Amino acid sequence: RRLKREKRCGQVDRLDRNHYRFTANVFDANELFPWIRTFICRITRL
């Protein structure tokens, strides 16, 4: 719910019961760094 609420663009897809994928096409991916780091313990692929 937080992932969907805080994303400013892009989309969230459910892969299975416990796995989700976030994808976004942006002008500057560096701007996502602080936000991505808040999920770092749960990220399995980046």
All heavy atoms as atom14 arrays in JSON, in Angstrom:
{
  "sequence": "RRLKREKRCGQVDRLDRNHYRFTANVFDANELFPWIRTFICRITRL",
  "atom14_mask": [
    [1, 1, 1, 1, 1, 1, 1, 1, 1, 1, 1, 0, 0, 0],
    [1, 1, 1, 1, 1, 1, 1, 1, 1, 1, 1, 0, 0, 0],
    [1, 1, 1, 1, 1, 1, 1, 1, 0, 0, 0, 0, 0, 0],
    [1, 1, 1, 1, 1, 1, 1, 1, 1, 0, 0, 0, 0, 0],
    [1, 1, 1, 1, 1, 1, 1, 1, 1, 1, 1, 0, 0, 0],
    [1, 1, 1, 1, 1, 1, 1, 1, 1, 0, 0, 0, 0, 0],
    [1, 1, 1, 1, 1, 1, 1, 1, 1, 0, 0, 0, 0, 0],
    [1, 1, 1, 1, 1, 1, 1, 1, 1, 1, 1, 0, 0, 0],
    [1, 1, 1, 1, 1, 1, 0, 0, 0, 0, 0, 0, 0, 0],
    [1, 1, 1, 1, 0, 0, 0, 0, 0, 0, 0, 0, 0, 0],
    [1, 1, 1, 1, 1, 1, 1, 1, 1, 0, 0, 0, 0, 0],
    [1, 1, 1, 1, 1, 1, 1, 0, 0, 0, 0, 0, 0, 0],
    [1, 1, 1, 1, 1, 1, 1, 1, 0, 0, 0, 0, 0, 0],
    [1, 1, 1, 1, 1, 1, 1, 1, 1, 1, 1, 0, 0, 0],
    [1, 1, 1, 1, 1, 1, 1, 1, 0, 0, 0, 0, 0, 0],
    [1, 1, 1, 1, 1, 1, 1, 1, 0, 0, 0, 0, 0, 0],
    [1, 1, 1, 1, 1, 1, 1, 1, 1, 1, 1, 0, 0, 0],
    [1, 1, 1, 1, 1, 1, 1, 1, 0, 0, 0, 0, 0, 0],
    [1, 1, 1, 1, 1, 1, 1, 1, 1, 1, 0, 0, 0, 0],
    [1, 1, 1, 1, 1, 1, 1, 1, 1, 1, 1, 1, 0, 0],
    [1, 1, 1, 1, 1, 1, 1, 1, 1, 1, 1, 0, 0, 0],
    [1, 1, 1, 1, 1, 1, 1, 1, 1, 1, 1, 0, 0, 0],
    [1, 1, 1, 1, 1, 1, 1, 0, 0, 0, 0, 0, 0, 0],
    [1, 1, 1, 1, 1, 0, 0, 0, 0, 0, 0, 0, 0, 0],
    [1, 1, 1, 1, 1, 1, 1, 1, 0, 0, 0, 0, 0, 0],
    [1, 1, 1, 1, 1, 1, 1, 0, 0, 0, 0, 0, 0, 0],
    [1, 1, 1, 1, 1, 1, 1, 1, 1, 1, 1, 0, 0, 0],
    [1, 1, 1, 1, 1, 1, 1, 1, 0, 0, 0, 0, 0, 0],
    [1, 1, 1, 1, 1, 0, 0, 0, 0, 0, 0, 0, 0, 0],
    [1, 1, 1, 1, 1, 1, 1, 1, 0, 0, 0, 0, 0, 0],
    [1, 1, 1, 1, 1, 1, 1, 1, 1, 0, 0, 0, 0, 0],
    [1, 1, 1, 1, 1, 1, 1, 1, 0, 0, 0, 0, 0, 0],
    [1, 1, 1, 1, 1, 1, 1, 1, 1, 1, 1, 0, 0, 0],
    [1, 1, 1, 1, 1, 1, 1, 0, 0, 0, 0, 0, 0, 0],
    [1, 1, 1, 1, 1, 1, 1, 1, 1, 1, 1, 1, 1, 1],
    [1, 1, 1, 1, 1, 1, 1, 1, 0, 0, 0, 0, 0, 0],
    [1, 1, 1, 1, 1, 1, 1, 1, 1, 1, 1, 0, 0, 0],
    [1, 1, 1, 1, 1, 1, 1, 0, 0, 0, 0, 0, 0, 0],
    [1, 1, 1, 1, 1, 1, 1, 1, 1, 1, 1, 0, 0, 0],
    [1, 1, 1, 1, 1, 1, 1, 1, 0, 0, 0, 0, 0, 0],
    [1, 1, 1, 1, 1, 1, 0, 0, 0, 0, 0, 0, 0, 0],
    [1, 1, 1, 1, 1, 1, 1, 1, 1, 1, 1, 0, 0, 0],
    [1, 1, 1, 1, 1, 1, 1, 1, 0, 0, 0, 0, 0, 0],
    [1, 1, 1, 1, 1, 1, 1, 0, 0, 0, 0, 0, 0, 0],
    [1, 1, 1, 1, 1, 1, 1, 1, 1, 1, 1, 0, 0, 0],
    [1, 1, 1, 1, 1, 1, 1, 1, 0, 0, 0, 0, 0, 0]
  ],
  "atom14_positions": [
    [[0.84, -1.2, 0.0], [0.0, 0.0, 0.0], [0.87, 1.25, 0.0], [0.58, 2.23, -0.68], [-0.93, 0.0, 1.23], [-2.05, -1.03, 1.14], [-3.14, -0.75, 2.16], [-2.65, -0.85, 3.54], [-2.67, -1.96, 4.25], [-3.14, -3.1, 3.72], [-2.23, -1.97, 5.5], [0.0, 0.0, 0.0], [0.0, 0.0, 0.0], [0.0, 0.0, 0.0]],
    [[1.96, 1.2, 0.77], [2.88, 2.33, 0.78], [3.57, 2.49, -0.57], [3.72, 3.61, -1.08], [3.93, 2.11, 1.87], [4.92, 3.26, 1.96], [6.11, 2.93, 2.83], [7.26, 3.68, 2.35], [8.49, 3.25, 2.39], [8.78, 2.05, 2.85], [9.47, 4.0, 1.93], [0.0, 0.0, 0.0], [0.0, 0.0, 0.0], [0.0, 0.0, 0.0]],
    [[3.96, 1.38, -1.19], [4.61, 1.42, -2.49], [3.7, 2.1, -3.52], [4.14, 2.97, -4.29], [4.95, 0.0, -2.94], [5.7, -0.19, -4.25], [7.13, 0.31, -4.11], [5.71, -1.66, -4.67], [0.0, 0.0, 0.0], [0.0, 0.0, 0.0], [0.0, 0.0, 0.0], [0.0, 0.0, 0.0], [0.0, 0.0, 0.0], [0.0, 0.0, 0.0]],
    [[2.44, 1.74, -3.52], [1.49, 2.31, -4.47], [1.17, 3.77, -4.14], [0.97, 4.59, -5.04], [0.21, 1.49, -4.49], [0.39, 0.08, -5.04], [-0.92, -0.71, -4.99], [-0.75, -2.1, -5.58], [-2.01, -2.89, -5.52], [0.0, 0.0, 0.0], [0.0, 0.0, 0.0], [0.0, 0.0, 0.0], [0.0, 0.0, 0.0], [0.0, 0.0, 0.0]],
    [[1.15, 4.09, -2.85], [0.81, 5.45, -2.44], [1.93, 6.43, -2.74], [1.69, 7.56, -3.17], [0.49, 5.46, -0.94], [0.09, 6.83, -0.41], [-0.19, 6.79, 1.08], [0.99, 6.52, 1.89], [1.22, 5.41, 2.56], [0.35, 4.42, 2.51], [2.32, 5.26, 3.28], [0.0, 0.0, 0.0], [0.0, 0.0, 0.0], [0.0, 0.0, 0.0]],
    [[3.17, 6.01, -2.55], [4.29, 6.93, -2.65], [4.88, 7.04, -4.05], [5.58, 8.01, -4.34], [5.4, 6.52, -1.67], [5.0, 6.65, -0.21], [6.13, 6.27, 0.72], [7.21, 5.87, 0.22], [5.94, 6.36, 1.96], [0.0, 0.0, 0.0], [0.0, 0.0, 0.0], [0.0, 0.0, 0.0], [0.0, 0.0, 0.0], [0.0, 0.0, 0.0]],
    [[4.61, 6.07, -4.91], [5.19, 6.15, -6.25], [4.63, 7.36, -6.98], [3.44, 7.65, -6.92], [4.92, 4.86, -7.03], [3.49, 4.67, -7.48], [3.33, 3.42, -8.32], [1.9, 3.25, -8.82], [1.5, 4.32, -9.74], [0.0, 0.0, 0.0], [0.0, 0.0, 0.0], [0.0, 0.0, 0.0], [0.0, 0.0, 0.0], [0.0, 0.0, 0.0]],
    [[5.49, 8.07, -7.65], [5.07, 9.28, -8.36], [4.8, 9.0, -9.84], [4.19, 9.81, -10.53], [6.15, 10.36, -8.22], [6.43, 10.67, -6.75], [7.66, 11.53, -6.59], [8.07, 11.6, -5.18], [9.15, 12.21, -4.75], [9.97, 12.8, -5.61], [9.45, 12.22, -3.46], [0.0, 0.0, 0.0], [0.0, 0.0, 0.0], [0.0, 0.0, 0.0]],
    [[5.31, 7.89, -10.31], [5.03, 7.42, -11.67], [5.37, 5.94, -11.68], [5.78, 5.36, -10.67], [5.83, 8.2, -12.72], [7.64, 8.15, -12.47], [0.0, 0.0, 0.0], [0.0, 0.0, 0.0], [0.0, 0.0, 0.0], [0.0, 0.0, 0.0], [0.0, 0.0, 0.0], [0.0, 0.0, 0.0], [0.0, 0.0, 0.0], [0.0, 0.0, 0.0]],
    [[5.19, 5.29, -12.82], [5.47, 3.87, -12.9], [4.28, 3.02, -12.49], [3.18, 3.52, -12.24], [0.0, 0.0, 0.0], [0.0, 0.0, 0.0], [0.0, 0.0, 0.0], [0.0, 0.0, 0.0], [0.0, 0.0, 0.0], [0.0, 0.0, 0.0], [0.0, 0.0, 0.0], [0.0, 0.0, 0.0], [0.0, 0.0, 0.0], [0.0, 0.0, 0.0]],
    [[4.51, 1.71, -12.39], [3.43, 0.79, -12.05], [3.93, -0.32, -11.14], [5.13, -0.64, -11.11], [2.81, 0.19, -13.31], [3.74, -0.72, -14.11], [3.07, -1.26, -15.36], [2.45, -0.5, -16.1], [3.19, -2.56, -15.59], [0.0, 0.0, 0.0], [0.0, 0.0, 0.0], [0.0, 0.0, 0.0], [0.0, 0.0, 0.0], [0.0, 0.0, 0.0]],
    [[3.0, -0.92, -10.42], [3.29, -2.03, -9.51], [2.52, -3.25, -9.98], [1.31, -3.19, -10.19], [2.88, -1.68, -8.06], [3.13, -2.88, -7.13], [3.64, -0.45, -7.57], [0.0, 0.0, 0.0], [0.0, 0.0, 0.0], [0.0, 0.0, 0.0], [0.0, 0.0, 0.0], [0.0, 0.0, 0.0], [0.0, 0.0, 0.0], [0.0, 0.0, 0.0]],
    [[3.22, -4.36, -10.19], [2.61, -5.61, -10.64], [2.84, -6.71, -9.6], [3.94, -6.81, -9.03], [3.21, -6.06, -11.98], [2.95, -5.06, -13.1], [1.79, -4.67, -13.27], [3.93, -4.67, -13.77], [0.0, 0.0, 0.0], [0.0, 0.0, 0.0], [0.0, 0.0, 0.0], [0.0, 0.0, 0.0], [0.0, 0.0, 0.0], [0.0, 0.0, 0.0]],
    [[1.82, -7.51, -9.39], [1.94, -8.62, -8.47], [2.43, -9.84, -9.23], [1.84, -10.26, -10.24], [0.59, -8.92, -7.81], [0.66, -10.01, -6.75], [-0.66, -10.17, -6.04], [-0.57, -11.13, -4.94], [-1.55, -11.41, -4.11], [-2.73, -10.79, -4.23], [-1.38, -12.3, -3.13], [0.0, 0.0, 0.0], [0.0, 0.0, 0.0], [0.0, 0.0, 0.0]],
    [[3.52, -10.46, -8.76], [4.09, -11.63, -9.42], [3.51, -12.92, -8.84], [3.22, -13.86, -9.58], [5.61, -11.63, -9.28], [6.33, -10.37, -9.82], [7.83, -10.48, -9.61], [6.0, -10.16, -11.3], [0.0, 0.0, 0.0], [0.0, 0.0, 0.0], [0.0, 0.0, 0.0], [0.0, 0.0, 0.0], [0.0, 0.0, 0.0], [0.0, 0.0, 0.0]],
    [[3.4, -12.99, -7.54], [2.75, -14.1, -6.87], [2.29, -13.61, -5.51], [2.24, -12.4, -5.26], [3.67, -15.34, -6.77], [4.98, -15.05, -6.04], [4.94, -14.27, -5.07], [6.02, -15.59, -6.44], [0.0, 0.0, 0.0], [0.0, 0.0, 0.0], [0.0, 0.0, 0.0], [0.0, 0.0, 0.0], [0.0, 0.0, 0.0], [0.0, 0.0, 0.0]],
    [[1.98, -14.52, -4.63], [1.39, -14.13, -3.34], [2.28, -13.17, -2.55], [1.77, -12.25, -1.9], [1.11, -15.4, -2.51], [0.53, -15.1, -1.13], [0.15, -16.39, -0.43], [-0.35, -16.13, 0.92], [-0.84, -17.07, 1.73], [-0.9, -18.33, 1.31], [-1.27, -16.74, 2.94], [0.0, 0.0, 0.0], [0.0, 0.0, 0.0], [0.0, 0.0, 0.0]],
    [[3.58, -13.36, -2.63], [4.48, -12.58, -1.78], [5.5, -11.74, -2.55], [6.37, -11.11, -1.93], [5.24, -13.5, -0.82], [4.33, -14.24, 0.13], [4.06, -15.43, -0.05], [3.8, -13.53, 1.13], [0.0, 0.0, 0.0], [0.0, 0.0, 0.0], [0.0, 0.0, 0.0], [0.0, 0.0, 0.0], [0.0, 0.0, 0.0], [0.0, 0.0, 0.0]],
    [[5.4, -11.72, -3.88], [6.39, -10.98, -4.67], [5.7, -9.96, -5.58], [4.68, -10.26, -6.21], [7.24, -11.94, -5.51], [8.15, -12.79, -4.7], [7.72, -13.96, -4.1], [9.47, -12.65, -4.37], [8.73, -14.51, -3.44], [9.8, -13.74, -3.59], [0.0, 0.0, 0.0], [0.0, 0.0, 0.0], [0.0, 0.0, 0.0], [0.0, 0.0, 0.0]],
    [[6.3, -8.76, -5.63], [5.77, -7.67, -6.45], [6.92, -7.04, -7.23], [8.08, -7.1, -6.82], [5.1, -6.61, -5.57], [3.81, -7.06, -4.94], [3.82, -7.87, -3.8], [2.58, -6.68, -5.48], [2.64, -8.29, -3.21], [1.4, -7.09, -4.89], [1.43, -7.9, -3.76], [0.25, -8.31, -3.18], [0.0, 0.0, 0.0], [0.0, 0.0, 0.0]],
    [[6.56, -6.42, -8.36], [7.55, -5.75, -9.19], [7.12, -4.3, -9.41], [5.97, -4.01, -9.73], [7.71, -6.43, -10.54], [8.74, -5.71, -11.46], [8.63, -6.15, -12.91], [8.97, -7.55, -13.06], [8.18, -8.45, -13.65], [7.0, -8.08, -14.14], [8.56, -9.7, -13.75], [0.0, 0.0, 0.0], [0.0, 0.0, 0.0], [0.0, 0.0, 0.0]],
    [[8.09, -3.4, -9.24], [7.87, -1.98, -9.56], [8.7, -1.63, -10.78], [9.89, -1.96, -10.86], [8.29, -1.09, -8.39], [8.32, 0.38, -8.73], [7.15, 1.12, -8.78], [9.52, 1.0, -9.03], [7.17, 2.46, -9.12], [9.56, 2.35, -9.37], [8.38, 3.08, -9.41], [0.0, 0.0, 0.0], [0.0, 0.0, 0.0], [0.0, 0.0, 0.0]],
    [[8.09, -0.94, -11.75], [8.77, -0.52, -12.97], [8.42, 0.92, -13.29], [7.25, 1.31, -13.2], [8.37, -1.4, -14.17], [8.59, -2.77, -13.84], [9.2, -1.05, -15.4], [0.0, 0.0, 0.0], [0.0, 0.0, 0.0], [0.0, 0.0, 0.0], [0.0, 0.0, 0.0], [0.0, 0.0, 0.0], [0.0, 0.0, 0.0], [0.0, 0.0, 0.0]],
    [[9.44, 1.71, -13.64], [9.2, 3.1, -14.02], [10.21, 3.53, -15.07], [11.37, 3.09, -15.04], [9.3, 4.02, -12.81], [0.0, 0.0, 0.0], [0.0, 0.0, 0.0], [0.0, 0.0, 0.0], [0.0, 0.0, 0.0], [0.0, 0.0, 0.0], [0.0, 0.0, 0.0], [0.0, 0.0, 0.0], [0.0, 0.0, 0.0], [0.0, 0.0, 0.0]],
    [[9.76, 4.36, -15.99], [10.62, 4.97, -16.99], [10.7, 6.46, -16.67], [9.7, 7.18, -16.77], [10.07, 4.74, -18.39], [10.08, 3.27, -18.78], [11.14, 2.65, -18.87], [8.91, 2.7, -18.99], [0.0, 0.0, 0.0], [0.0, 0.0, 0.0], [0.0, 0.0, 0.0], [0.0, 0.0, 0.0], [0.0, 0.0, 0.0], [0.0, 0.0, 0.0]],
    [[11.88, 6.91, -16.29], [12.03, 8.27, -15.78], [13.16, 9.0, -16.5], [14.0, 8.4, -17.16], [12.32, 8.25, -14.26], [11.13, 7.69, -13.51], [13.59, 7.46, -13.95], [0.0, 0.0, 0.0], [0.0, 0.0, 0.0], [0.0, 0.0, 0.0], [0.0, 0.0, 0.0], [0.0, 0.0, 0.0], [0.0, 0.0, 0.0], [0.0, 0.0, 0.0]],
    [[13.17, 10.33, -16.33], [14.24, 11.13, -16.91], [15.55, 10.95, -16.17], [16.61, 10.93, -16.78], [13.84, 12.62, -16.9], [12.7, 12.96, -17.81], [11.51, 13.45, -17.3], [12.81, 12.78, -19.18], [10.45, 13.77, -18.14], [11.75, 13.09, -20.03], [10.58, 13.59, -19.52], [0.0, 0.0, 0.0], [0.0, 0.0, 0.0], [0.0, 0.0, 0.0]],
    [[15.48, 10.83, -14.85], [16.7, 10.72, -14.04], [16.47, 9.69, -12.94], [15.81, 9.97, -11.94], [17.05, 12.08, -13.44], [18.38, 12.06, -12.69], [19.02, 10.99, -12.62], [18.78, 13.12, -12.17], [0.0, 0.0, 0.0], [0.0, 0.0, 0.0], [0.0, 0.0, 0.0], [0.0, 0.0, 0.0], [0.0, 0.0, 0.0], [0.0, 0.0, 0.0]],
    [[17.03, 8.51, -13.11], [16.84, 7.43, -12.13], [17.54, 7.7, -10.82], [17.19, 7.11, -9.79], [17.32, 6.11, -12.72], [0.0, 0.0, 0.0], [0.0, 0.0, 0.0], [0.0, 0.0, 0.0], [0.0, 0.0, 0.0], [0.0, 0.0, 0.0], [0.0, 0.0, 0.0], [0.0, 0.0, 0.0], [0.0, 0.0, 0.0], [0.0, 0.0, 0.0]],
    [[18.53, 8.59, -10.81], [19.23, 8.91, -9.56], [18.27, 9.48, -8.51], [18.51, 9.33, -7.31], [20.35, 9.91, -9.82], [21.51, 9.31, -10.59], [22.4, 8.71, -10.02], [21.49, 9.48, -11.91], [0.0, 0.0, 0.0], [0.0, 0.0, 0.0], [0.0, 0.0, 0.0], [0.0, 0.0, 0.0], [0.0, 0.0, 0.0], [0.0, 0.0, 0.0]],
    [[17.21, 10.12, -8.95], [16.28, 10.73, -8.02], [15.5, 9.7, -7.22], [14.91, 10.03, -6.18], [15.31, 11.65, -8.77], [15.99, 12.87, -9.38], [15.01, 13.77, -10.11], [14.04, 13.25, -10.69], [15.22, 14.99, -10.1], [0.0, 0.0, 0.0], [0.0, 0.0, 0.0], [0.0, 0.0, 0.0], [0.0, 0.0, 0.0], [0.0, 0.0, 0.0]],
    [[15.48, 8.43, -7.66], [14.78, 7.37, -6.95], [15.61, 6.75, -5.83], [15.07, 6.0, -5.01], [14.33, 6.27, -7.9], [13.06, 6.51, -8.72], [13.34, 7.37, -9.93], [12.43, 5.19, -9.14], [0.0, 0.0, 0.0], [0.0, 0.0, 0.0], [0.0, 0.0, 0.0], [0.0, 0.0, 0.0], [0.0, 0.0, 0.0], [0.0, 0.0, 0.0]],
    [[16.9, 7.03, -5.81], [17.79, 6.33, -4.88], [17.3, 6.37, -3.42], [17.21, 5.31, -2.78], [19.2, 6.91, -4.96], [20.0, 6.45, -6.15], [19.4, 5.72, -7.17], [21.34, 6.75, -6.27], [20.13, 5.29, -8.28], [22.09, 6.33, -7.35], [21.47, 5.6, -8.36], [0.0, 0.0, 0.0], [0.0, 0.0, 0.0], [0.0, 0.0, 0.0]],
    [[17.0, 7.55, -2.86], [16.58, 7.57, -1.44], [15.33, 6.73, -1.19], [15.23, 6.05, -0.15], [16.32, 9.06, -1.17], [17.13, 9.78, -2.19], [17.08, 8.91, -3.42], [0.0, 0.0, 0.0], [0.0, 0.0, 0.0], [0.0, 0.0, 0.0], [0.0, 0.0, 0.0], [0.0, 0.0, 0.0], [0.0, 0.0, 0.0], [0.0, 0.0, 0.0]],
    [[14.39, 6.78, -2.11], [13.14, 6.02, -1.95], [13.39, 4.52, -2.06], [12.88, 3.74, -1.26], [12.13, 6.48, -3.0], [10.77, 5.87, -2.86], [9.87, 6.09, -1.88], [10.15, 4.95, -3.77], [8.71, 5.38, -2.1], [8.85, 4.67, -3.27], [10.55, 4.35, -4.96], [7.98, 3.8, -3.92], [9.66, 3.5, -5.61], [8.4, 3.22, -5.08]],
    [[14.19, 4.12, -3.02], [14.5, 2.7, -3.19], [15.18, 2.13, -1.95], [14.9, 1.01, -1.51], [15.37, 2.46, -4.44], [14.57, 2.79, -5.71], [15.87, 1.03, -4.5], [15.4, 2.71, -6.99], [0.0, 0.0, 0.0], [0.0, 0.0, 0.0], [0.0, 0.0, 0.0], [0.0, 0.0, 0.0], [0.0, 0.0, 0.0], [0.0, 0.0, 0.0]],
    [[16.07, 2.93, -1.37], [16.82, 2.44, -0.2], [15.9, 2.13, 0.98], [16.26, 1.32, 1.85], [17.89, 3.46, 0.21], [19.11, 3.45, -0.71], [20.28, 4.17, -0.07], [20.06, 5.6, 0.02], [20.53, 6.49, -0.85], [21.25, 6.07, -1.91], [20.31, 7.78, -0.71], [0.0, 0.0, 0.0], [0.0, 0.0, 0.0], [0.0, 0.0, 0.0]],
    [[14.72, 2.75, 1.04], [13.81, 2.45, 2.16], [13.2, 1.06, 2.04], [12.61, 0.56, 3.0], [12.68, 3.5, 2.22], [11.86, 3.41, 1.04], [13.24, 4.9, 2.34], [0.0, 0.0, 0.0], [0.0, 0.0, 0.0], [0.0, 0.0, 0.0], [0.0, 0.0, 0.0], [0.0, 0.0, 0.0], [0.0, 0.0, 0.0], [0.0, 0.0, 0.0]],
    [[13.32, 0.42, 0.87], [12.82, -0.94, 0.68], [13.95, -1.96, 0.58], [13.71, -3.12, 0.27], [11.99, -1.03, -0.62], [10.76, -0.17, -0.64], [10.77, 1.07, -1.26], [9.59, -0.6, -0.04], [9.65, 1.87, -1.3], [8.45, 0.2, -0.06], [8.48, 1.44, -0.69], [0.0, 0.0, 0.0], [0.0, 0.0, 0.0], [0.0, 0.0, 0.0]],
    [[15.18, -1.54, 0.85], [16.35, -2.33, 0.5], [16.34, -3.72, 1.14], [16.82, -4.7, 0.54], [17.64, -1.57, 0.87], [18.84, -2.12, 0.1], [17.87, -1.56, 2.37], [18.81, -1.85, -1.36], [0.0, 0.0, 0.0], [0.0, 0.0, 0.0], [0.0, 0.0, 0.0], [0.0, 0.0, 0.0], [0.0, 0.0, 0.0], [0.0, 0.0, 0.0]],
    [[15.79, -3.86, 2.34], [15.8, -5.16, 3.01], [14.82, -6.15, 2.39], [14.89, -7.35, 2.68], [15.49, -4.99, 4.5], [16.76, -4.07, 5.4], [0.0, 0.0, 0.0], [0.0, 0.0, 0.0], [0.0, 0.0, 0.0], [0.0, 0.0, 0.0], [0.0, 0.0, 0.0], [0.0, 0.0, 0.0], [0.0, 0.0, 0.0], [0.0, 0.0, 0.0]],
    [[13.91, -5.65, 1.58], [12.91, -6.53, 0.97], [13.14, -6.75, -0.52], [12.48, -7.57, -1.13], [11.51, -5.95, 1.18], [11.07, -5.96, 2.65], [9.69, -5.35, 2.8], [9.18, -5.51, 4.17], [9.47, -4.69, 5.16], [10.26, -3.65, 4.95], [8.99, -4.91, 6.38], [0.0, 0.0, 0.0], [0.0, 0.0, 0.0], [0.0, 0.0, 0.0]],
    [[14.07, -6.01, -1.1], [14.33, -6.11, -2.55], [15.11, -7.38, -2.85], [16.15, -7.65, -2.25], [15.08, -4.86, -3.05], [14.17, -3.63, -2.97], [15.55, -5.06, -4.49], [14.83, -2.34, -3.38], [0.0, 0.0, 0.0], [0.0, 0.0, 0.0], [0.0, 0.0, 0.0], [0.0, 0.0, 0.0], [0.0, 0.0, 0.0], [0.0, 0.0, 0.0]],
    [[14.6, -8.15, -3.8], [15.28, -9.38, -4.23], [15.98, -9.21, -5.57], [16.87, -9.98, -5.91], [14.27, -10.53, -4.34], [13.26, -10.19, -5.3], [13.63, -10.81, -2.98], [0.0, 0.0, 0.0], [0.0, 0.0, 0.0], [0.0, 0.0, 0.0], [0.0, 0.0, 0.0], [0.0, 0.0, 0.0], [0.0, 0.0, 0.0], [0.0, 0.0, 0.0]],
    [[15.59, -8.2, -6.33], [16.21, -7.94, -7.63], [16.06, -6.46, -7.95], [15.01, -5.88, -7.73], [15.55, -8.77, -8.73], [16.13, -8.54, -10.13], [15.47, -9.44, -11.16], [15.91, -9.13, -12.5], [15.35, -8.22, -13.29], [14.27, -7.55, -12.86], [15.82, -7.97, -14.5], [0.0, 0.0, 0.0], [0.0, 0.0, 0.0], [0.0, 0.0, 0.0]],
    [[17.14, -5.88, -8.46], [17.13, -4.46, -8.79], [17.93, -4.23, -10.06], [19.04, -4.76, -10.21], [17.74, -3.64, -7.63], [17.95, -2.15, -7.84], [16.63, -1.43, -8.06], [18.68, -1.55, -6.63], [0.0, 0.0, 0.0], [0.0, 0.0, 0.0], [0.0, 0.0, 0.0], [0.0, 0.0, 0.0], [0.0, 0.0, 0.0], [0.0, 0.0, 0.0]]
  ]
}
